[in-house]
Amino acid sequence: CPWDREQTFESLRNNTIEETFELTDAITDGD
């Protein structure tokens, strides 16, 4: 995959933060 192949630690950092907050939203909602 061209996109996955180009990723680095730095390029994924903000996405990781976003995913963490999406998880906390789901936990807060009991979903």
PDB file of all heavy atoms in Angstrom:
ATOM      1  N   CYS A   1       0.842  -1.208   0.000  1.00  0.00           N
ATOM      2  CA  CYS A   1       0.000   0.000   0.000  1.00  0.00           C
ATOM      3  C   CYS A   1       0.876   1.255   0.000  1.00  0.00           C
ATOM      4  O   CYS A   1       1.697   1.439   0.910  1.00  0.00           O
ATOM      5  CB  CYS A   1      -0.915   0.009   1.217  1.00  0.00           C
ATOM      6  SG  CYS A   1      -1.873   1.542   1.384  1.00  0.00           S
ATOM      7  N   PRO A   2       0.716   2.121  -0.996  1.00  0.00           N
ATOM      8  CA  PRO A   2       1.553   3.344  -1.061  1.00  0.00           C
ATOM      9  C   PRO A   2       1.438   4.214   0.185  1.00  0.00           C
ATOM     10  O   PRO A   2       2.443   4.763   0.656  1.00  0.00           O
ATOM     11  CB  PRO A   2       1.009   4.070  -2.303  1.00  0.00           C
ATOM     12  CG  PRO A   2       0.395   2.996  -3.127  1.00  0.00           C
ATOM     13  CD  PRO A   2      -0.172   2.001  -2.156  1.00  0.00           C
ATOM     14  N   TRP A   3       0.217   4.348   0.726  1.00  0.00           N
ATOM     15  CA  TRP A   3       0.043   5.209   1.908  1.00  0.00           C
ATOM     16  C   TRP A   3       0.730   4.602   3.119  1.00  0.00           C
ATOM     17  O   TRP A   3       1.491   5.277   3.826  1.00  0.00           O
ATOM     18  CB  TRP A   3      -1.442   5.418   2.207  1.00  0.00           C
ATOM     19  CG  TRP A   3      -1.673   6.405   3.328  1.00  0.00           C
ATOM     20  CD1 TRP A   3      -1.799   7.759   3.224  1.00  0.00           C
ATOM     21  CD2 TRP A   3      -1.777   6.095   4.733  1.00  0.00           C
ATOM     22  NE1 TRP A   3      -1.978   8.325   4.480  1.00  0.00           N
ATOM     23  CE2 TRP A   3      -1.966   7.314   5.417  1.00  0.00           C
ATOM     24  CE3 TRP A   3      -1.729   4.914   5.467  1.00  0.00           C
ATOM     25  CZ2 TRP A   3      -2.120   7.389   6.789  1.00  0.00           C
ATOM     26  CZ3 TRP A   3      -1.870   4.975   6.848  1.00  0.00           C
ATOM     27  CH2 TRP A   3      -2.064   6.203   7.499  1.00  0.00           C
ATOM     28  N   ASP A   4       0.452   3.329   3.388  1.00  0.00           N
ATOM     29  CA  ASP A   4       1.053   2.670   4.549  1.00  0.00           C
ATOM     30  C   ASP A   4       2.570   2.633   4.430  1.00  0.00           C
ATOM     31  O   ASP A   4       3.279   2.752   5.436  1.00  0.00           O
ATOM     32  CB  ASP A   4       0.509   1.248   4.679  1.00  0.00           C
ATOM     33  CG  ASP A   4      -0.942   1.219   5.119  1.00  0.00           C
ATOM     34  OD1 ASP A   4      -1.204   1.376   6.318  1.00  0.00           O
ATOM     35  OD2 ASP A   4      -1.825   1.049   4.255  1.00  0.00           O
ATOM     36  N   ARG A   5       3.050   2.473   3.216  1.00  0.00           N
ATOM     37  CA  ARG A   5       4.495   2.386   2.992  1.00  0.00           C
ATOM     38  C   ARG A   5       5.200   3.694   3.326  1.00  0.00           C
ATOM     39  O   ARG A   5       6.353   3.695   3.760  1.00  0.00           O
ATOM     40  CB  ARG A   5       4.751   1.991   1.538  1.00  0.00           C
ATOM     41  CG  ARG A   5       6.170   1.539   1.268  1.00  0.00           C
ATOM     42  CD  ARG A   5       6.290   0.834  -0.085  1.00  0.00           C
ATOM     43  NE  ARG A   5       5.777   1.652  -1.190  1.00  0.00           N
ATOM     44  CZ  ARG A   5       4.812   1.250  -2.027  1.00  0.00           C
ATOM     45  NH1 ARG A   5       4.240   0.069  -1.877  1.00  0.00           N
ATOM     46  NH2 ARG A   5       4.415   2.030  -3.019  1.00  0.00           N
ATOM     47  N   GLU A   6       4.505   4.826   3.159  1.00  0.00           N
ATOM     48  CA  GLU A   6       5.123   6.138   3.356  1.00  0.00           C
ATOM     49  C   GLU A   6       5.091   6.622   4.808  1.00  0.00           C
ATOM     50  O   GLU A   6       5.734   7.619   5.147  1.00  0.00           O
ATOM     51  CB  GLU A   6       4.423   7.180   2.483  1.00  0.00           C
ATOM     52  CG  GLU A   6       4.659   6.997   0.994  1.00  0.00           C
ATOM     53  CD  GLU A   6       3.911   8.025   0.167  1.00  0.00           C
ATOM     54  OE1 GLU A   6       3.179   8.850   0.775  1.00  0.00           O
ATOM     55  OE2 GLU A   6       4.041   8.000  -1.070  1.00  0.00           O
ATOM     56  N   GLN A   7       4.329   5.930   5.654  1.00  0.00           N
ATOM     57  CA  GLN A   7       4.167   6.443   7.015  1.00  0.00           C
ATOM     58  C   GLN A   7       5.439   6.320   7.845  1.00  0.00           C
ATOM     59  O   GLN A   7       6.267   5.433   7.633  1.00  0.00           O
ATOM     60  CB  GLN A   7       3.013   5.723   7.720  1.00  0.00           C
ATOM     61  CG  GLN A   7       1.667   5.910   7.048  1.00  0.00           C
ATOM     62  CD  GLN A   7       1.402   7.358   6.682  1.00  0.00           C
ATOM     63  OE1 GLN A   7       1.401   8.224   7.554  1.00  0.00           O
ATOM     64  NE2 GLN A   7       1.197   7.616   5.403  1.00  0.00           N
ATOM     65  N   THR A   8       5.579   7.269   8.795  1.00  0.00           N
ATOM     66  CA  THR A   8       6.704   7.292   9.729  1.00  0.00           C
ATOM     67  C   THR A   8       6.154   7.471  11.137  1.00  0.00           C
ATOM     68  O   THR A   8       4.957   7.706  11.324  1.00  0.00           O
ATOM     69  CB  THR A   8       7.657   8.455   9.418  1.00  0.00           C
ATOM     70  OG1 THR A   8       6.948   9.702   9.652  1.00  0.00           O
ATOM     71  CG2 THR A   8       8.146   8.405   7.974  1.00  0.00           C
ATOM     72  N   PHE A   9       7.028   7.383  12.120  1.00  0.00           N
ATOM     73  CA  PHE A   9       6.599   7.634  13.502  1.00  0.00           C
ATOM     74  C   PHE A   9       5.974   9.023  13.613  1.00  0.00           C
ATOM     75  O   PHE A   9       4.937   9.205  14.253  1.00  0.00           O
ATOM     76  CB  PHE A   9       7.796   7.531  14.455  1.00  0.00           C
ATOM     77  CG  PHE A   9       8.204   6.125  14.769  1.00  0.00           C
ATOM     78  CD1 PHE A   9       9.094   5.442  13.954  1.00  0.00           C
ATOM     79  CD2 PHE A   9       7.699   5.481  15.880  1.00  0.00           C
ATOM     80  CE1 PHE A   9       9.471   4.141  14.237  1.00  0.00           C
ATOM     81  CE2 PHE A   9       8.069   4.171  16.178  1.00  0.00           C
ATOM     82  CZ  PHE A   9       8.960   3.500  15.354  1.00  0.00           C
ATOM     83  N   GLU A  10       6.596   9.992  12.974  1.00  0.00           N
ATOM     84  CA  GLU A  10       6.128  11.375  13.080  1.00  0.00           C
ATOM     85  C   GLU A  10       4.792  11.569  12.369  1.00  0.00           C
ATOM     86  O   GLU A  10       3.907  12.286  12.875  1.00  0.00           O
ATOM     87  CB  GLU A  10       7.169  12.331  12.487  1.00  0.00           C
ATOM     88  CG  GLU A  10       8.458  12.437  13.286  1.00  0.00           C
ATOM     89  CD  GLU A  10       9.351  11.212  13.124  1.00  0.00           C
ATOM     90  OE1 GLU A  10       9.165  10.458  12.138  1.00  0.00           O
ATOM     91  OE2 GLU A  10      10.220  10.999  13.990  1.00  0.00           O
ATOM     92  N   SER A  11       4.613  10.938  11.218  1.00  0.00           N
ATOM     93  CA  SER A  11       3.379  11.153  10.458  1.00  0.00           C
ATOM     94  C   SER A  11       2.170  10.515  11.138  1.00  0.00           C
ATOM     95  O   SER A  11       1.038  10.976  10.963  1.00  0.00           O
ATOM     96  CB  SER A  11       3.521  10.583   9.038  1.00  0.00           C
ATOM     97  OG  SER A  11       3.586   9.177   9.048  1.00  0.00           O
ATOM     98  N   LEU A  12       2.397   9.473  11.931  1.00  0.00           N
ATOM     99  CA  LEU A  12       1.290   8.792  12.601  1.00  0.00           C
ATOM    100  C   LEU A  12       0.939   9.387  13.957  1.00  0.00           C
ATOM    101  O   LEU A  12      -0.112   9.096  14.509  1.00  0.00           O
ATOM    102  CB  LEU A  12       1.630   7.305  12.797  1.00  0.00           C
ATOM    103  CG  LEU A  12       1.543   6.401  11.573  1.00  0.00           C
ATOM    104  CD1 LEU A  12       1.957   4.985  11.945  1.00  0.00           C
ATOM    105  CD2 LEU A  12       0.135   6.396  10.996  1.00  0.00           C
ATOM    106  N   ARG A  13       1.832  10.226  14.482  1.00  0.00           N
ATOM    107  CA  ARG A  13       1.679  10.707  15.866  1.00  0.00           C
ATOM    108  C   ARG A  13       0.319  11.348  16.121  1.00  0.00           C
ATOM    109  O   ARG A  13      -0.393  10.986  17.074  1.00  0.00           O
ATOM    110  CB  ARG A  13       2.792  11.702  16.180  1.00  0.00           C
ATOM    111  CG  ARG A  13       2.689  12.340  17.555  1.00  0.00           C
ATOM    112  CD  ARG A  13       3.811  13.341  17.776  1.00  0.00           C
ATOM    113  NE  ARG A  13       3.668  14.016  19.045  1.00  0.00           N
ATOM    114  CZ  ARG A  13       2.905  15.084  19.250  1.00  0.00           C
ATOM    115  NH1 ARG A  13       2.201  15.591  18.240  1.00  0.00           N
ATOM    116  NH2 ARG A  13       2.817  15.656  20.435  1.00  0.00           N
ATOM    117  N   ASN A  14      -0.070  12.318  15.293  1.00  0.00           N
ATOM    118  CA  ASN A  14      -1.329  13.017  15.525  1.00  0.00           C
ATOM    119  C   ASN A  14      -2.533  12.091  15.362  1.00  0.00           C
ATOM    120  O   ASN A  14      -3.539  12.225  16.077  1.00  0.00           O
ATOM    121  CB  ASN A  14      -1.457  14.219  14.584  1.00  0.00           C
ATOM    122  CG  ASN A  14      -0.526  15.356  14.960  1.00  0.00           C
ATOM    123  OD1 ASN A  14      -0.091  15.454  16.106  1.00  0.00           O
ATOM    124  ND2 ASN A  14      -0.210  16.201  14.004  1.00  0.00           N
ATOM    125  N   ASN A  15      -2.430  11.149  14.412  1.00  0.00           N
ATOM    126  CA  ASN A  15      -3.508  10.184  14.250  1.00  0.00           C
ATOM    127  C   ASN A  15      -3.666   9.317  15.497  1.00  0.00           C
ATOM    128  O   ASN A  15      -4.782   8.971  15.890  1.00  0.00           O
ATOM    129  CB  ASN A  15      -3.236   9.279  13.036  1.00  0.00           C
ATOM    130  CG  ASN A  15      -3.417  10.001  11.717  1.00  0.00           C
ATOM    131  OD1 ASN A  15      -4.033  11.057  11.661  1.00  0.00           O
ATOM    132  ND2 ASN A  15      -2.875   9.439  10.650  1.00  0.00           N
ATOM    133  N   THR A  16      -2.533   8.966  16.112  1.00  0.00           N
ATOM    134  CA  THR A  16      -2.583   8.157  17.332  1.00  0.00           C
ATOM    135  C   THR A  16      -3.293   8.916  18.451  1.00  0.00           C
ATOM    136  O   THR A  16      -4.110   8.346  19.187  1.00  0.00           O
ATOM    137  CB  THR A  16      -1.162   7.777  17.783  1.00  0.00           C
ATOM    138  OG1 THR A  16      -0.469   7.137  16.709  1.00  0.00           O
ATOM    139  CG2 THR A  16      -1.204   6.837  18.971  1.00  0.00           C
ATOM    140  N   ILE A  17      -2.976  10.197  18.575  1.00  0.00           N
ATOM    141  CA  ILE A  17      -3.634  11.017  19.598  1.00  0.00           C
ATOM    142  C   ILE A  17      -5.136  11.063  19.341  1.00  0.00           C
ATOM    143  O   ILE A  17      -5.947  10.918  20.261  1.00  0.00           O
ATOM    144  CB  ILE A  17      -3.030  12.436  19.600  1.00  0.00           C
ATOM    145  CG1 ILE A  17      -1.571  12.398  20.060  1.00  0.00           C
ATOM    146  CG2 ILE A  17      -3.851  13.376  20.492  1.00  0.00           C
ATOM    147  CD1 ILE A  17      -0.832  13.706  19.888  1.00  0.00           C
ATOM    148  N   GLU A  18      -5.519  11.252  18.085  1.00  0.00           N
ATOM    149  CA  GLU A  18      -6.936  11.316  17.719  1.00  0.00           C
ATOM    150  C   GLU A  18      -7.641   9.996  18.046  1.00  0.00           C
ATOM    151  O   GLU A  18      -8.751   9.999  18.592  1.00  0.00           O
ATOM    152  CB  GLU A  18      -7.072  11.628  16.233  1.00  0.00           C
ATOM    153  CG  GLU A  18      -8.515  11.767  15.767  1.00  0.00           C
ATOM    154  CD  GLU A  18      -8.615  12.121  14.297  1.00  0.00           C
ATOM    155  OE1 GLU A  18      -7.630  12.638  13.733  1.00  0.00           O
ATOM    156  OE2 GLU A  18      -9.675  11.882  13.706  1.00  0.00           O
ATOM    157  N   GLU A  19      -7.000   8.878  17.718  1.00  0.00           N
ATOM    158  CA  GLU A  19      -7.606   7.576  17.993  1.00  0.00           C
ATOM    159  C   GLU A  19      -7.794   7.369  19.500  1.00  0.00           C
ATOM    160  O   GLU A  19      -8.788   6.782  19.939  1.00  0.00           O
ATOM    161  CB  GLU A  19      -6.740   6.446  17.420  1.00  0.00           C
ATOM    162  CG  GLU A  19      -6.610   6.423  15.912  1.00  0.00           C
ATOM    163  CD  GLU A  19      -7.929   6.183  15.197  1.00  0.00           C
ATOM    164  OE1 GLU A  19      -8.936   5.863  15.867  1.00  0.00           O
ATOM    165  OE2 GLU A  19      -7.960   6.310  13.956  1.00  0.00           O
ATOM    166  N   THR A  20      -6.841   7.859  20.286  1.00  0.00           N
ATOM    167  CA  THR A  20      -6.943   7.725  21.739  1.00  0.00           C
ATOM    168  C   THR A  20      -8.155   8.487  22.264  1.00  0.00           C
ATOM    169  O   THR A  20      -8.913   7.973  23.106  1.00  0.00           O
ATOM    170  CB  THR A  20      -5.660   8.245  22.415  1.00  0.00           C
ATOM    171  OG1 THR A  20      -4.531   7.530  21.914  1.00  0.00           O
ATOM    172  CG2 THR A  20      -5.731   8.062  23.922  1.00  0.00           C
ATOM    173  N   PHE A  21      -8.369   9.689  21.756  1.00  0.00           N
ATOM    174  CA  PHE A  21      -9.518  10.462  22.199  1.00  0.00           C
ATOM    175  C   PHE A  21     -10.827   9.853  21.712  1.00  0.00           C
ATOM    176  O   PHE A  21     -11.857   9.918  22.403  1.00  0.00           O
ATOM    177  CB  PHE A  21      -9.400  11.917  21.746  1.00  0.00           C
ATOM    178  CG  PHE A  21      -8.495  12.737  22.617  1.00  0.00           C
ATOM    179  CD1 PHE A  21      -7.260  13.173  22.159  1.00  0.00           C
ATOM    180  CD2 PHE A  21      -8.869  13.066  23.904  1.00  0.00           C
ATOM    181  CE1 PHE A  21      -6.415  13.914  22.969  1.00  0.00           C
ATOM    182  CE2 PHE A  21      -8.047  13.817  24.728  1.00  0.00           C
ATOM    183  CZ  PHE A  21      -6.818  14.242  24.260  1.00  0.00           C
ATOM    184  N   GLU A  22     -10.822   9.240  20.532  1.00  0.00           N
ATOM    185  CA  GLU A  22     -12.028   8.574  20.044  1.00  0.00           C
ATOM    186  C   GLU A  22     -12.362   7.386  20.941  1.00  0.00           C
ATOM    187  O   GLU A  22     -13.540   7.099  21.193  1.00  0.00           O
ATOM    188  CB  GLU A  22     -11.833   8.136  18.590  1.00  0.00           C
ATOM    189  CG  GLU A  22     -11.831   9.311  17.615  1.00  0.00           C
ATOM    190  CD  GLU A  22     -11.626   8.889  16.172  1.00  0.00           C
ATOM    191  OE1 GLU A  22     -11.455   7.677  15.926  1.00  0.00           O
ATOM    192  OE2 GLU A  22     -11.633   9.771  15.290  1.00  0.00           O
ATOM    193  N   LEU A  23     -11.341   6.703  21.436  1.00  0.00           N
ATOM    194  CA  LEU A  23     -11.573   5.605  22.373  1.00  0.00           C
ATOM    195  C   LEU A  23     -12.170   6.124  23.676  1.00  0.00           C
ATOM    196  O   LEU A  23     -13.126   5.547  24.208  1.00  0.00           O
ATOM    197  CB  LEU A  23     -10.266   4.853  22.644  1.00  0.00           C
ATOM    198  CG  LEU A  23     -10.311   3.801  23.759  1.00  0.00           C
ATOM    199  CD1 LEU A  23     -11.333   2.714  23.436  1.00  0.00           C
ATOM    200  CD2 LEU A  23      -8.926   3.196  23.979  1.00  0.00           C
ATOM    201  N   THR A  24     -11.622   7.222  24.184  1.00  0.00           N
ATOM    202  CA  THR A  24     -12.154   7.766  25.438  1.00  0.00           C
ATOM    203  C   THR A  24     -13.599   8.234  25.266  1.00  0.00           C
ATOM    204  O   THR A  24     -14.404   8.103  26.195  1.00  0.00           O
ATOM    205  CB  THR A  24     -11.288   8.930  25.957  1.00  0.00           C
ATOM    206  OG1 THR A  24     -11.278   9.998  25.002  1.00  0.00           O
ATOM    207  CG2 THR A  24      -9.860   8.484  26.205  1.00  0.00           C
ATOM    208  N   ASP A  25     -13.947   8.749  24.091  1.00  0.00           N
ATOM    209  CA  ASP A  25     -15.337   9.134  23.835  1.00  0.00           C
ATOM    210  C   ASP A  25     -16.248   7.919  23.913  1.00  0.00           C
ATOM    211  O   ASP A  25     -17.331   7.967  24.511  1.00  0.00           O
ATOM    212  CB  ASP A  25     -15.472   9.780  22.445  1.00  0.00           C
ATOM    213  CG  ASP A  25     -14.968  11.214  22.404  1.00  0.00           C
ATOM    214  OD1 ASP A  25     -14.763  11.797  23.483  1.00  0.00           O
ATOM    215  OD2 ASP A  25     -14.783  11.740  21.288  1.00  0.00           O
ATOM    216  N   ALA A  26     -15.826   6.821  23.299  1.00  0.00           N
ATOM    217  CA  ALA A  26     -16.635   5.602  23.314  1.00  0.00           C
ATOM    218  C   ALA A  26     -16.783   5.055  24.734  1.00  0.00           C
ATOM    219  O   ALA A  26     -17.863   4.591  25.124  1.00  0.00           O
ATOM    220  CB  ALA A  26     -16.007   4.539  22.407  1.00  0.00           C
ATOM    221  N   ILE A  27     -15.715   5.128  25.519  1.00  0.00           N
ATOM    222  CA  ILE A  27     -15.765   4.677  26.910  1.00  0.00           C
ATOM    223  C   ILE A  27     -16.725   5.551  27.707  1.00  0.00           C
ATOM    224  O   ILE A  27     -17.562   5.054  28.472  1.00  0.00           O
ATOM    225  CB  ILE A  27     -14.358   4.690  27.537  1.00  0.00           C
ATOM    226  CG1 ILE A  27     -13.480   3.617  26.889  1.00  0.00           C
ATOM    227  CG2 ILE A  27     -14.429   4.460  29.047  1.00  0.00           C
ATOM    228  CD1 ILE A  27     -12.024   3.679  27.290  1.00  0.00           C
ATOM    229  N   THR A  28     -16.620   6.865  27.522  1.00  0.00           N
ATOM    230  CA  THR A  28     -17.497   7.794  28.240  1.00  0.00           C
ATOM    231  C   THR A  28     -18.956   7.538  27.899  1.00  0.00           C
ATOM    232  O   THR A  28     -19.842   7.626  28.761  1.00  0.00           O
ATOM    233  CB  THR A  28     -17.130   9.253  27.888  1.00  0.00           C
ATOM    234  OG1 THR A  28     -15.764   9.492  28.252  1.00  0.00           O
ATOM    235  CG2 THR A  28     -18.015  10.231  28.640  1.00  0.00           C
ATOM    236  N   ASP A  29     -19.225   7.193  26.629  1.00  0.00           N
ATOM    237  CA  ASP A  29     -20.601   6.942  26.188  1.00  0.00           C
ATOM    238  C   ASP A  29     -21.087   5.539  26.540  1.00  0.00           C
ATOM    239  O   ASP A  29     -22.262   5.224  26.326  1.00  0.00           O
ATOM    240  CB  ASP A  29     -20.716   7.140  24.668  1.00  0.00           C
ATOM    241  CG  ASP A  29     -20.495   8.581  24.252  1.00  0.00           C
ATOM    242  OD1 ASP A  29     -20.657   9.472  25.104  1.00  0.00           O
ATOM    243  OD2 ASP A  29     -20.157   8.824  23.070  1.00  0.00           O
ATOM    244  N   GLY A  30     -20.209   4.701  27.057  1.00  0.00           N
ATOM    245  CA  GLY A  30     -20.592   3.331  27.362  1.00  0.00           C
ATOM    246  C   GLY A  30     -20.929   2.535  26.111  1.00  0.00           C
ATOM    247  O   GLY A  30     -21.729   1.596  26.154  1.00  0.00           O
ATOM    248  N   ASP A  31     -20.332   2.890  24.987  1.00  0.00           N
ATOM    249  CA  ASP A  31     -20.603   2.273  23.689  1.00  0.00           C
ATOM    250  C   ASP A  31     -19.631   1.110  23.475  1.00  0.00           C
ATOM    251  O   ASP A  31     -18.516   1.295  22.995  1.00  0.00           O
ATOM    252  CB  ASP A  31     -20.443   3.327  22.587  1.00  0.00           C
ATOM    253  CG  ASP A  31     -20.693   2.782  21.196  1.00  0.00           C
ATOM    254  OD1 ASP A  31     -20.999   1.579  21.065  1.00  0.00           O
ATOM    255  OD2 ASP A  31     -20.573   3.561  20.223  1.00  0.00           O
TER     256      ASP A  31
END
